[in-house]
Amino acid sequence: MADEPRLTLSGVVLDAPDPRELAGFYERLLGWERVTDDPTWVQLASPDGGPKLSFQLEPVYTRPTWPARADQQQMMSHLDIKVDDLESAGALATAAGAVLADFQPQEHVRVYLDPVGHPFCLFLF
């Protein structure tokens, strides 16, 4: 409709106790470029374009629990990352600083935790 505003998703934001440190992990993992670098806000951009990935300072950050437990901080979102080889992508993720989660819900998906506990999934395409 002509009267409705145009809405475009421009990015995803992850809270972090140290945005620069967490952004460094995702730079190593994804190979994206840091386009904004501030102590409270860091933004990465894909060389292919599309939405950016940002990291925002959260001074009272609490690490999420995976899988979720009613008595613990739960994840609010997670990233899905397509890969063509789970083993080599997993090796890259752990070399960058991720940890393979103990709980794995599906055969062709691997859940990892970034350095501050945000779950992300590597999955075959």
C-alpha atoms as a PDB file:
ATOM      1  CA  MET A   1       0.000   0.000   0.000  1.00  0.00           C
ATOM      2  CA  ALA A   2       1.218   3.452  -0.831  1.00  0.00           C
ATOM      3  CA  ASP A   3       0.458   4.914   2.624  1.00  0.00           C
ATOM      4  CA  GLU A   4       2.470   2.314   4.550  1.00  0.00           C
ATOM      5  CA  PRO A   5       6.122   2.986   5.407  1.00  0.00           C
ATOM      6  CA  ARG A   6       8.833   0.877   3.804  1.00  0.00           C
ATOM      7  CA  LEU A   7      10.606  -1.300   6.378  1.00  0.00           C
ATOM      8  CA  THR A   8      13.975  -2.957   5.769  1.00  0.00           C
ATOM      9  CA  LEU A   9      15.921  -5.118   8.188  1.00  0.00           C
ATOM     10  CA  SER A  10      19.329  -3.458   8.376  1.00  0.00           C
ATOM     11  CA  GLY A  11      21.014  -5.668  10.921  1.00  0.00           C
ATOM     12  CA  VAL A  12      21.120  -7.908  13.954  1.00  0.00           C
ATOM     13  CA  VAL A  13      22.488  -6.724  17.308  1.00  0.00           C
ATOM     14  CA  LEU A  14      24.027  -8.920  20.006  1.00  0.00           C
ATOM     15  CA  ASP A  15      24.542  -7.631  23.537  1.00  0.00           C
ATOM     16  CA  ALA A  16      28.019  -8.115  24.961  1.00  0.00           C
ATOM     17  CA  PRO A  17      30.061  -7.211  28.030  1.00  0.00           C
ATOM     18  CA  ASP A  18      32.849  -6.120  25.604  1.00  0.00           C
ATOM     19  CA  PRO A  19      31.575  -5.352  22.084  1.00  0.00           C
ATOM     20  CA  ARG A  20      35.054  -5.091  20.564  1.00  0.00           C
ATOM     21  CA  GLU A  21      36.096  -8.489  21.870  1.00  0.00           C
ATOM     22  CA  LEU A  22      32.941 -10.236  20.664  1.00  0.00           C
ATOM     23  CA  ALA A  23      33.134  -8.478  17.286  1.00  0.00           C
ATOM     24  CA  GLY A  24      36.702  -9.779  16.953  1.00  0.00           C
ATOM     25  CA  PHE A  25      35.396 -13.333  17.326  1.00  0.00           C
ATOM     26  CA  TYR A  26      32.820 -12.853  14.559  1.00  0.00           C
ATOM     27  CA  GLU A  27      35.412 -11.137  12.342  1.00  0.00           C
ATOM     28  CA  ARG A  28      37.583 -14.262  12.625  1.00  0.00           C
ATOM     29  CA  LEU A  29      34.608 -16.577  12.090  1.00  0.00           C
ATOM     30  CA  LEU A  30      32.867 -14.800   9.208  1.00  0.00           C
ATOM     31  CA  GLY A  31      35.670 -12.773   7.649  1.00  0.00           C
ATOM     32  CA  TRP A  32      33.499  -9.652   7.725  1.00  0.00           C
ATOM     33  CA  GLU A  33      34.851  -6.096   7.863  1.00  0.00           C
ATOM     34  CA  ARG A  34      34.551  -3.848  10.920  1.00  0.00           C
ATOM     35  CA  VAL A  35      32.780  -0.686   9.717  1.00  0.00           C
ATOM     36  CA  THR A  36      32.039   0.956  13.081  1.00  0.00           C
ATOM     37  CA  ASP A  37      34.332   0.662  16.084  1.00  0.00           C
ATOM     38  CA  ASP A  38      33.365   2.307  19.349  1.00  0.00           C
ATOM     39  CA  PRO A  39      33.765   0.998  22.923  1.00  0.00           C
ATOM     40  CA  THR A  40      29.971   0.682  23.194  1.00  0.00           C
ATOM     41  CA  TRP A  41      29.030  -0.250  19.589  1.00  0.00           C
ATOM     42  CA  VAL A  42      30.827  -2.255  16.916  1.00  0.00           C
ATOM     43  CA  GLN A  43      29.378  -3.134  13.528  1.00  0.00           C
ATOM     44  CA  LEU A  44      30.514  -5.698  10.959  1.00  0.00           C
ATOM     45  CA  ALA A  45      29.520  -5.762   7.293  1.00  0.00           C
ATOM     46  CA  SER A  46      29.507  -8.687   4.908  1.00  0.00           C
ATOM     47  CA  PRO A  47      31.545  -8.242   1.725  1.00  0.00           C
ATOM     48  CA  ASP A  48      28.410  -9.530  -0.059  1.00  0.00           C
ATOM     49  CA  GLY A  49      26.183  -6.790   1.365  1.00  0.00           C
ATOM     50  CA  GLY A  50      22.974  -7.419   3.263  1.00  0.00           C
ATOM     51  CA  PRO A  51      22.163  -6.807   6.922  1.00  0.00           C
ATOM     52  CA  LYS A  52      25.040  -5.947   9.246  1.00  0.00           C
ATOM     53  CA  LEU A  53      25.971  -7.665  12.504  1.00  0.00           C
ATOM     54  CA  SER A  54      26.436  -5.319  15.460  1.00  0.00           C
ATOM     55  CA  PHE A  55      27.564  -5.666  19.057  1.00  0.00           C
ATOM     56  CA  GLN A  56      26.252  -3.409  21.790  1.00  0.00           C
ATOM     57  CA  LEU A  57      27.668  -2.885  25.267  1.00  0.00           C
ATOM     58  CA  GLU A  58      25.522  -4.398  27.992  1.00  0.00           C
ATOM     59  CA  PRO A  59      27.218  -3.690  31.336  1.00  0.00           C
ATOM     60  CA  VAL A  60      25.012  -6.167  33.232  1.00  0.00           C
ATOM     61  CA  TYR A  61      25.203  -8.883  30.577  1.00  0.00           C
ATOM     62  CA  THR A  62      24.217 -12.369  31.740  1.00  0.00           C
ATOM     63  CA  ARG A  63      25.395 -15.350  29.724  1.00  0.00           C
ATOM     64  CA  PRO A  64      22.459 -17.335  28.247  1.00  0.00           C
ATOM     65  CA  THR A  65      21.968 -21.023  28.935  1.00  0.00           C
ATOM     66  CA  TRP A  66      21.718 -23.590  26.130  1.00  0.00           C
ATOM     67  CA  PRO A  67      19.528 -25.551  26.129  1.00  0.00           C
ATOM     68  CA  ALA A  68      17.068 -23.294  27.915  1.00  0.00           C
ATOM     69  CA  ARG A  69      16.248 -23.850  31.560  1.00  0.00           C
ATOM     70  CA  ALA A  70      13.378 -22.141  33.360  1.00  0.00           C
ATOM     71  CA  ASP A  71      15.625 -21.014  36.228  1.00  0.00           C
ATOM     72  CA  GLN A  72      18.427 -19.596  34.021  1.00  0.00           C
ATOM     73  CA  GLN A  73      18.939 -16.711  31.588  1.00  0.00           C
ATOM     74  CA  GLN A  74      17.526 -17.897  28.262  1.00  0.00           C
ATOM     75  CA  MET A  75      18.774 -16.995  24.831  1.00  0.00           C
ATOM     76  CA  MET A  76      16.629 -14.420  23.092  1.00  0.00           C
ATOM     77  CA  SER A  77      17.830 -15.198  19.578  1.00  0.00           C
ATOM     78  CA  HIS A  78      20.563 -17.038  17.735  1.00  0.00           C
ATOM     79  CA  LEU A  79      22.388 -16.845  14.412  1.00  0.00           C
ATOM     80  CA  ASP A  80      22.055 -19.473  11.670  1.00  0.00           C
ATOM     81  CA  ILE A  81      25.145 -19.749   9.468  1.00  0.00           C
ATOM     82  CA  LYS A  82      25.035 -21.837   6.282  1.00  0.00           C
ATOM     83  CA  VAL A  83      28.142 -23.923   5.596  1.00  0.00           C
ATOM     84  CA  ASP A  84      29.156 -26.449   2.960  1.00  0.00           C
ATOM     85  CA  ASP A  85      31.207 -28.626   5.353  1.00  0.00           C
ATOM     86  CA  LEU A  86      30.260 -28.988   9.029  1.00  0.00           C
ATOM     87  CA  GLU A  87      33.606 -30.412  10.109  1.00  0.00           C
ATOM     88  CA  SER A  88      35.819 -27.714   8.600  1.00  0.00           C
ATOM     89  CA  ALA A  89      33.402 -24.924   9.590  1.00  0.00           C
ATOM     90  CA  GLY A  90      33.336 -26.322  13.130  1.00  0.00           C
ATOM     91  CA  ALA A  91      37.127 -26.374  13.235  1.00  0.00           C
ATOM     92  CA  LEU A  92      37.181 -22.732  12.102  1.00  0.00           C
ATOM     93  CA  ALA A  93      34.611 -21.824  14.762  1.00  0.00           C
ATOM     94  CA  THR A  94      36.574 -23.450  17.586  1.00  0.00           C
ATOM     95  CA  ALA A  95      39.846 -21.933  16.332  1.00  0.00           C
ATOM     96  CA  ALA A  96      38.144 -18.515  16.426  1.00  0.00           C
ATOM     97  CA  GLY A  97      37.057 -19.091  20.048  1.00  0.00           C
ATOM     98  CA  ALA A  98      33.700 -20.913  19.939  1.00  0.00           C
ATOM     99  CA  VAL A  99      32.793 -23.953  22.008  1.00  0.00           C
ATOM    100  CA  LEU A 100      30.706 -26.848  20.700  1.00  0.00           C
ATOM    101  CA  ALA A 101      27.522 -27.018  22.785  1.00  0.00           C
ATOM    102  CA  ASP A 102      26.901 -30.200  24.760  1.00  0.00           C
ATOM    103  CA  PHE A 103      23.323 -30.424  23.473  1.00  0.00           C
ATOM    104  CA  GLN A 104      22.924 -31.017  19.713  1.00  0.00           C
ATOM    105  CA  PRO A 105      19.266 -31.155  18.581  1.00  0.00           C
ATOM    106  CA  GLN A 106      19.689 -32.178  14.918  1.00  0.00           C
ATOM    107  CA  GLU A 107      21.976 -34.328  12.796  1.00  0.00           C
ATOM    108  CA  HIS A 108      22.918 -31.773  10.112  1.00  0.00           C
ATOM    109  CA  VAL A 109      23.216 -28.805  12.467  1.00  0.00           C
ATOM    110  CA  ARG A 110      25.951 -28.032  14.978  1.00  0.00           C
ATOM    111  CA  VAL A 111      25.252 -25.632  17.828  1.00  0.00           C
ATOM    112  CA  TYR A 112      28.224 -23.622  19.077  1.00  0.00           C
ATOM    113  CA  LEU A 113      28.540 -20.963  21.761  1.00  0.00           C
ATOM    114  CA  ASP A 114      30.431 -17.760  21.057  1.00  0.00           C
ATOM    115  CA  PRO A 115      32.869 -16.458  23.708  1.00  0.00           C
ATOM    116  CA  VAL A 116      30.071 -14.823  25.741  1.00  0.00           C
ATOM    117  CA  GLY A 117      27.606 -17.692  25.353  1.00  0.00           C
ATOM    118  CA  HIS A 118      25.368 -16.655  22.437  1.00  0.00           C
ATOM    119  CA  PRO A 119      24.368 -19.873  20.642  1.00  0.00           C
ATOM    120  CA  PHE A 120      24.809 -19.998  16.880  1.00  0.00           C
ATOM    121  CA  CYS A 121      24.117 -22.815  14.456  1.00  0.00           C
ATOM    122  CA  LEU A 122      26.250 -24.058  11.612  1.00  0.00           C
ATOM    123  CA  PHE A 123      24.084 -25.965   9.156  1.00  0.00           C
ATOM    124  CA  LEU A 124      24.575 -27.669   5.806  1.00  0.00           C
ATOM    125  CA  PHE A 125      23.064 -26.117   2.710  1.00  0.00           C
END
